[in-house]
Amino acid sequence: MKKIIIITLAMILNFNLILYSSTVYAGNYVGSVSWGNGDAAYNDCGFTGIFCTMSTKDVKANRNSVSLGQYLTIYANGKEIDSFEVRRIYYESNTGRCLISKERKKKFKTYFVTYKCRGR
């Protein structure tokens, strides 16, 4: 009897974990986004993709909207840290977060992230 209860409880917990995980990371790849002033950061893993640097202080872009194929310039503390062609945009509608990257792959490591975002 104890084994059945433990197995049933484990199945319920696993189901809830899967359900929770799928709703937390719900998002879509979109063709363009726009955002307001708010929190932003820039993550750069460089050429190797192993050593990453996250800039979080006073990070801004040269524009408040972008589409695939357009160029975006990123500034941190008033200095340009990167300029790139936008190749992938991931939008999370439940959090209003956008990840904008120069990489085409789905799990990119170099990206500009901002909130108060709307995908189009």
Protein backbone atom coordinates (compact mmCIF):
# COMPACT_ATOMS: atom_id res chain seq x y z
CA MET A 1 0.00 0.00 0.00
CA LYS A 2 2.83 2.43 0.85
CA LYS A 3 4.50 1.77 -2.53
CA ILE A 4 1.28 2.60 -4.41
CA ILE A 5 0.84 5.86 -2.50
CA ILE A 6 4.48 6.86 -3.05
CA ILE A 7 4.31 6.04 -6.78
CA THR A 8 1.00 7.92 -7.15
CA LEU A 9 2.41 10.95 -5.32
CA ALA A 10 5.55 10.90 -7.48
CA MET A 11 3.42 10.78 -10.64
CA ILE A 12 1.33 13.76 -9.46
CA LEU A 13 4.45 15.77 -8.60
CA ASN A 14 6.07 14.98 -11.96
CA PHE A 15 2.89 15.96 -13.83
CA ASN A 16 2.69 19.26 -11.93
CA LEU A 17 6.38 19.93 -12.62
CA ILE A 18 5.91 19.32 -16.34
CA LEU A 19 2.78 21.50 -16.39
CA TYR A 20 4.55 24.28 -14.47
CA SER A 21 7.62 24.13 -16.72
CA SER A 22 5.61 24.36 -19.90
CA THR A 23 3.72 27.45 -18.76
CA VAL A 24 6.77 29.28 -17.41
CA TYR A 25 8.71 29.09 -20.65
CA ALA A 26 5.79 29.63 -23.04
CA GLY A 27 6.91 31.84 -25.90
CA ASN A 28 7.23 32.15 -29.65
CA TYR A 29 9.75 33.17 -32.26
CA VAL A 30 8.44 36.33 -33.91
CA GLY A 31 9.44 38.56 -36.81
CA SER A 32 9.45 41.89 -34.96
CA VAL A 33 9.06 43.40 -31.49
CA SER A 34 8.74 46.76 -29.80
CA TRP A 35 9.45 47.67 -26.18
CA GLY A 36 9.22 50.55 -23.74
CA ASN A 37 11.77 51.89 -21.31
CA GLY A 38 12.50 49.29 -18.68
CA ASP A 39 14.94 46.69 -17.49
CA ALA A 40 17.35 45.38 -20.09
CA ALA A 41 20.53 43.30 -20.19
CA TYR A 42 23.00 41.95 -22.72
CA ASN A 43 24.56 38.49 -22.58
CA ASP A 44 27.66 37.81 -24.69
CA CYS A 45 29.37 34.44 -24.84
CA GLY A 46 31.95 35.51 -27.41
CA PHE A 47 33.52 33.32 -30.05
CA THR A 48 34.01 30.22 -27.92
CA GLY A 49 30.56 30.22 -26.33
CA ILE A 50 32.05 29.05 -23.04
CA PHE A 51 32.87 32.23 -21.12
CA CYS A 52 29.85 34.53 -20.93
CA THR A 53 29.47 38.10 -19.73
CA MET A 54 26.12 39.58 -18.70
CA SER A 55 25.89 43.38 -18.79
CA THR A 56 23.06 44.64 -16.62
CA LYS A 57 23.97 48.21 -15.64
CA ASP A 58 22.45 50.96 -17.79
CA VAL A 59 21.99 48.71 -20.86
CA LYS A 60 20.13 50.31 -23.76
CA ALA A 61 19.60 49.83 -27.47
CA ASN A 62 19.67 52.48 -30.18
CA ARG A 63 15.97 51.86 -30.92
CA ASN A 64 12.75 50.69 -29.24
CA SER A 65 11.59 48.33 -31.99
CA VAL A 66 13.30 45.93 -34.36
CA SER A 67 12.51 43.35 -37.04
CA LEU A 68 14.47 40.42 -38.40
CA GLY A 69 17.25 41.63 -40.71
CA GLN A 70 17.55 45.09 -39.12
CA TYR A 71 20.59 46.25 -37.17
CA LEU A 72 20.63 46.85 -33.43
CA THR A 73 23.34 48.63 -31.45
CA ILE A 74 23.71 47.90 -27.73
CA TYR A 75 25.15 50.35 -25.20
CA ALA A 76 26.23 49.74 -21.59
CA ASN A 77 27.16 52.68 -19.38
CA GLY A 78 26.99 54.95 -22.45
CA LYS A 79 29.56 52.95 -24.45
CA GLU A 80 28.81 50.79 -27.48
CA ILE A 81 29.38 47.13 -26.65
CA ASP A 82 27.92 45.47 -29.77
CA SER A 83 26.16 46.12 -33.05
CA PHE A 84 24.56 43.30 -35.01
CA GLU A 85 21.98 42.16 -37.54
CA VAL A 86 18.93 40.68 -35.80
CA ARG A 87 18.51 37.05 -36.86
CA ARG A 88 16.24 35.60 -34.15
CA ILE A 89 13.63 37.12 -31.79
CA TYR A 90 12.03 35.15 -28.98
CA TYR A 91 8.96 36.70 -27.30
CA GLU A 92 7.37 35.53 -24.04
CA SER A 93 3.85 37.00 -23.93
CA ASN A 94 3.19 35.96 -20.32
CA THR A 95 6.20 37.93 -18.99
CA GLY A 96 6.52 40.61 -21.68
CA ARG A 97 10.16 39.60 -22.19
CA CYS A 98 12.00 39.61 -25.52
CA LEU A 99 15.34 38.02 -26.36
CA ILE A 100 16.89 39.50 -29.49
CA SER A 101 19.89 37.72 -30.96
CA LYS A 102 22.39 37.81 -33.80
CA GLU A 103 22.45 34.00 -33.82
CA ARG A 104 20.15 31.89 -36.00
CA LYS A 105 20.12 28.84 -33.73
CA LYS A 106 17.19 28.28 -31.39
CA LYS A 107 19.24 28.20 -28.17
CA PHE A 108 21.31 31.32 -28.61
CA LYS A 109 23.94 32.48 -26.13
CA THR A 110 24.48 36.06 -27.25
CA TYR A 111 21.37 38.23 -26.92
CA PHE A 112 19.81 41.50 -25.81
CA VAL A 113 16.92 40.98 -23.38
CA THR A 114 14.30 43.54 -22.49
CA TYR A 115 10.93 43.67 -20.75
CA LYS A 116 7.74 45.65 -21.45
CA CYS A 117 7.93 44.04 -24.87
CA ARG A 118 5.26 43.27 -27.47
CA GLY A 119 5.77 40.76 -30.26
CA ARG A 120 4.39 41.39 -33.73
